[in-house]
Amino acid sequence: MPELSTLLLFAITCLALNASPGPDMLLVATRSAAQGKAAGFATYLGIAAGGYCHAMALALGLSQLFLAVPGAYDFVRLVGAAYLLYLAWQAFTSKESILQAPEENTSRSFRNLFFQGMLTNILNPKIALFFLALFPQFIEPSQGSVVFQILLLATILNTTGLMVKSIVILLASKAGAAITSSKRTAKIAKYFTGLVFTGLAARLAFDTSK
């Protein structure tokens, strides 16, 4: 197990990174504003699960494929963009109010929100490269199992993420609740959610830098 000072430095680094605006924060905030805090937490738990998947890929050496095989990186990136466009299409064409809570709207159940969050995270190869660049700096092979250390670091990353995203979720859901009283607002929220997914898809599809 890494030294406590190493873990503390990693936690501070993760806290700063999680506090920086990014796709995950935008996705969680949008879901929270549109469908409430429970939907926001379900989405974040999916994102966190995706983080563990990236951690296991790193532990198994799979993340290095994105460096060794450039085509693999582009393939996953485009699949991820296509999935985000699918979510955007769902938002634009849904006949249900996007402002309904998941338990009131079977097409947007907590399980669906969880898997949507997880897939958007898994299908972003930039996150795999982020893990590949950051984690090895805090791993000490002489201190025990490397796999255990990677999973421990992933847990710290997700925990600090939950701390930051909880604030975002609560603020966004409170703001959303204040503007959900009319059908016109519901339609605006639906299209805004679709535009968010479209923007995230475009960002992933056209940002080819690694």
Foldseek 3Di string as FASTA:
>chain_A
DFDPVLLVVLLVVLLVVLLDDDLLLVLLLLLCLQANLLLSVLLLLLLLVLLVVLLVCVLVVNLCCCVVPVVVQLVLLLVLLVLLLVVLVCLLPPPDQSNHHQVVPVVRHSVVSSNSSNSNNNSQSVSSVVLVPPQVVSADVVVDDRSVSSSVSSVSSSVSNCVNSSVSSVVSNVNSVVQPPDPVSSNVSSNVSSVSSNVVSCCSNPPSDD
